[in-house]
Protein backbone atom coordinates (compact mmCIF):
# COMPACT_ATOMS: atom_id res chain seq x y z
CA UNK A 1 140.31 78.28 42.84
CA UNK A 2 139.70 80.64 45.75
CA UNK A 3 142.84 81.97 47.46
CA UNK A 4 141.91 81.77 51.14
CA UNK A 5 144.12 82.74 54.07
CA UNK A 6 142.83 81.57 57.47
CA UNK A 7 144.55 83.21 60.41
CA UNK A 8 144.02 85.07 63.66
CA UNK A 9 143.00 88.73 63.69
CA UNK A 10 146.17 90.89 63.72
CA UNK A 11 145.01 94.35 64.80
CA UNK A 12 142.10 96.56 65.86
CA UNK A 13 141.14 97.41 62.27
CA UNK A 14 140.82 93.72 61.37
CA UNK A 15 138.84 93.13 64.57
CA UNK A 16 136.41 95.92 63.59
CA UNK A 17 136.12 94.51 60.04
CA UNK A 18 135.51 91.04 61.50
CA UNK A 19 132.69 92.38 63.69
CA UNK A 20 131.15 94.01 60.60
CA UNK A 21 131.35 90.73 58.67
CA UNK A 22 129.92 88.80 61.65
CA UNK A 23 126.99 91.26 61.94
CA UNK A 24 126.32 91.12 58.20
CA UNK A 25 126.04 87.31 58.19
CA UNK A 26 124.53 86.51 61.59
CA UNK A 27 122.56 89.52 62.86
CA UNK A 28 121.53 91.78 59.97
CA UNK A 29 119.28 89.06 58.42
CA UNK A 30 117.45 88.93 61.77
CA UNK A 31 116.91 92.70 61.76
CA UNK A 32 119.23 93.13 64.74
CA UNK A 33 121.24 96.28 65.41
CA UNK A 34 124.98 96.75 65.07
CA UNK A 35 126.59 95.79 68.35
CA UNK A 36 124.44 92.65 68.70
CA UNK A 37 127.22 90.70 66.94
CA UNK A 38 129.50 90.85 69.98
CA UNK A 39 129.31 90.00 73.66
CA UNK A 40 131.37 90.44 76.81
CA UNK A 41 133.63 87.45 76.02
CA UNK A 42 135.56 88.94 73.07
CA UNK A 43 138.71 89.84 75.02
CA UNK A 44 141.09 86.93 75.38
CA UNK A 45 139.27 84.86 72.76
CA UNK A 46 140.85 83.55 69.57
CA UNK A 47 139.31 85.31 66.59
CA UNK A 48 139.92 83.50 63.30
CA UNK A 49 139.26 85.10 59.95
CA UNK A 50 139.20 83.83 56.40
CA UNK A 51 140.68 86.42 54.05
CA UNK A 52 140.22 86.54 50.29
CA UNK A 53 141.59 89.48 48.29
CA UNK A 54 142.16 91.45 51.52
CA UNK A 55 138.48 91.04 52.46
CA UNK A 56 137.18 89.09 55.47
CA UNK A 57 134.77 86.52 54.08
CA UNK A 58 134.65 84.17 57.08
CA UNK A 59 135.12 84.37 60.84
CA UNK A 60 134.71 82.41 64.05
CA UNK A 61 135.63 82.64 67.73
CA UNK A 62 137.17 80.14 70.16
CA UNK A 63 137.37 80.72 73.88
CA UNK A 64 138.19 78.61 76.91
CA UNK A 65 135.26 78.10 79.27
CA UNK A 66 137.21 76.08 81.86
CA UNK A 67 140.36 73.94 81.81
CA UNK A 68 139.95 71.48 78.95
CA UNK A 69 136.61 72.92 77.75
CA UNK A 70 136.31 75.33 74.85
CA UNK A 71 133.45 77.11 73.13
CA UNK A 72 133.13 77.95 69.45
CA UNK A 73 130.77 80.72 68.46
CA UNK A 74 129.95 83.27 65.78
CA UNK A 75 130.89 80.99 62.87
CA UNK A 76 130.06 83.14 59.86
CA UNK A 77 130.77 82.82 56.14
CA UNK A 78 129.48 85.45 53.70
CA UNK A 79 126.53 83.91 51.78
CA UNK A 80 128.24 84.13 48.38
CA UNK A 81 131.15 82.02 49.74
CA UNK A 82 129.10 79.36 51.53
CA UNK A 83 129.12 75.69 50.45
CA UNK A 84 132.71 75.93 49.19
CA UNK A 85 134.46 74.29 52.15
CA UNK A 86 135.46 77.58 53.77
CA UNK A 87 133.50 76.97 56.97
CA UNK A 88 135.02 73.49 57.23
CA UNK A 89 138.54 74.89 56.86
CA UNK A 90 137.77 77.54 59.48
CA UNK A 91 136.48 74.88 61.90
CA UNK A 92 139.48 72.62 61.28
CA UNK A 93 141.81 75.51 62.13
CA UNK A 94 139.80 76.29 65.28
CA UNK A 95 140.11 72.64 66.35
CA UNK A 96 143.88 72.82 65.78
CA UNK A 97 144.03 75.99 67.91
CA UNK A 98 141.97 74.25 70.62
CA UNK A 99 144.35 71.27 70.63
CA UNK A 100 147.33 73.63 71.00
CA UNK A 101 145.61 75.06 74.08
CA UNK A 102 145.08 71.56 75.54
CA UNK A 103 141.31 71.75 75.20
CA UNK A 104 139.74 68.29 75.21
CA UNK A 105 136.09 69.15 74.52
CA UNK A 106 134.55 71.79 72.29
CA UNK A 107 130.97 72.99 72.58
CA UNK A 108 128.88 75.21 70.39
CA UNK A 109 125.30 76.28 69.95
CA UNK A 110 124.19 75.47 66.40
CA UNK A 111 121.28 76.88 64.49
CA UNK A 112 119.07 73.95 63.50
CA UNK A 113 119.81 74.51 59.80
CA UNK A 114 123.58 74.11 60.45
CA UNK A 115 123.47 70.81 62.38
CA UNK A 116 124.53 68.67 59.40
CA UNK A 117 127.54 70.95 58.78
CA UNK A 118 128.80 70.46 62.35
CA UNK A 119 128.00 66.72 62.28
CA UNK A 120 130.27 66.30 59.22
CA UNK A 121 133.10 67.76 61.31
CA UNK A 122 132.36 65.32 64.14
CA UNK A 123 130.14 67.27 66.53
CA UNK A 124 127.21 65.46 68.14
CA UNK A 125 123.92 66.91 69.36
CA UNK A 126 123.54 67.37 73.11
CA UNK A 127 120.04 67.63 74.57
CA UNK A 128 117.00 69.30 73.07
CA UNK A 129 116.73 72.38 70.92
CA UNK A 130 115.93 75.75 72.44
CA UNK A 131 115.12 79.17 71.11
CA UNK A 132 117.93 81.73 70.83
CA UNK A 133 117.39 85.04 69.02
CA UNK A 134 114.06 83.67 67.80
CA UNK A 135 115.77 80.75 66.02
CA UNK A 136 115.87 77.11 67.18
CA UNK A 137 119.39 76.14 68.30
CA UNK A 138 120.91 72.99 69.80
CA UNK A 139 124.07 72.45 71.79
CA UNK A 140 126.67 70.30 70.05
CA UNK A 141 129.92 68.84 71.33
CA UNK A 142 133.17 67.42 69.99
CA UNK A 143 135.72 65.37 71.92
CA UNK A 144 139.16 66.29 70.53
CA UNK A 145 141.93 63.77 70.14
CA UNK A 146 145.40 65.02 71.15
């Protein structure tokens, strides 16, 4: 059984390692450069990581868009650890963090091939798909119970 520790990033070194892991999973396969894995909303966001043997194998970000409304982005699990429930555990912890911050609604932009994953957690599709980074995405939303 995999020993997984899901927690917030603790320091600048972990933040840098998380960005590397995020790039490796989400941007490198698209041929995108280092630096494309971050945006101007990193400060003040909650950065969760999944650690296994002192290595970051999973990560995700939660930030408040407006009172009661949160956004989840950059959900990334290393390919060799996918389909083992790690992404689900990461999302469950993000939802707990959102509840603690009195967020009532969570939104995210899902790649089309990840829709079923988010649906299993309770997210529903909102609107039509659109292209982002050359990949079809769709907005999804979850109403959180207190």
